[in-house]
């Protein structure tokens, strides 16, 4: 368990550093606001020279307190690590690196690539960089009819729209949209997901179904469907568990199953669109 915590810390730190470099080198110097609190901090830095990292850290403090009560200490603890590293790296790296001020398309694409790579590493270890991720999770927790993906998409769209007014340039907003799109696609690719509104379907054949069911339900807050199954080759009776996941939950779900039953047979497939409680609710 201690080794796992060390690995989590190292991966989250590496991801947060990559994310911070994307802001310091590509997006902020080129007036690209990549959504969320980072985007807001980028705009304030342009208007009032407010340090982006300091702003992100300060604004996340009340969110961490709220998230701790609603989302639990494990998620928040990892999110604090990611946020602190991002904030400190942005403010300390910025004065010592040479920002890229070339082609705006390249800046938006490479900014999005580094942004997505960093976030993917953080998400893969069960963390976040705070901000809208926590807000969206809290809103969804209390109001399940609002999906996490839609809340994040709305907040990103709002920041991007405001950036067009702040910078006085529609192009800045369009390049920000490219950066966000690139980032989201790379996150999907790295953590083996598809999109924020689609998901993954995990099929588990196991003898220890009750332990796995409880862990998935309590740690991931994901429902599980249990079906009686018989192995044609062995003739043994087993349970087939079916669980729909968000892309950023795949890594943790696999870890849970492996811990509970190292001999479990697991299949993970793409789910083009998941509709229902906890995903997209359609009336």
Foldseek 3Di string as FASTA:
>chain_A
DVVLVVVLLVLLLVLLLLLLCLCLAFALVALAQQFWLLSVLSLCCVVPVDQSLVSLLVVQVVLLVVLCVQPHDVQSVLLNSSSNSNSVNNRVVNVPDDHDDDDLLVSLLVSLLSNLSSQLSSLLSNYGPGTLQSVLVRCCSVPVQRASQNSRVVRRLVSLVVSCVSVVHNVSSVSSVSSNVNSQCSSCVSLVAHGQQWWKKKKKWDAQVVQLQVCCCPVVVWHKDWDWDADPVVRDITIIIITTDHSSCVNVSVVSCCVRPVPMDMDMGTGPGDEDGNHHDDD
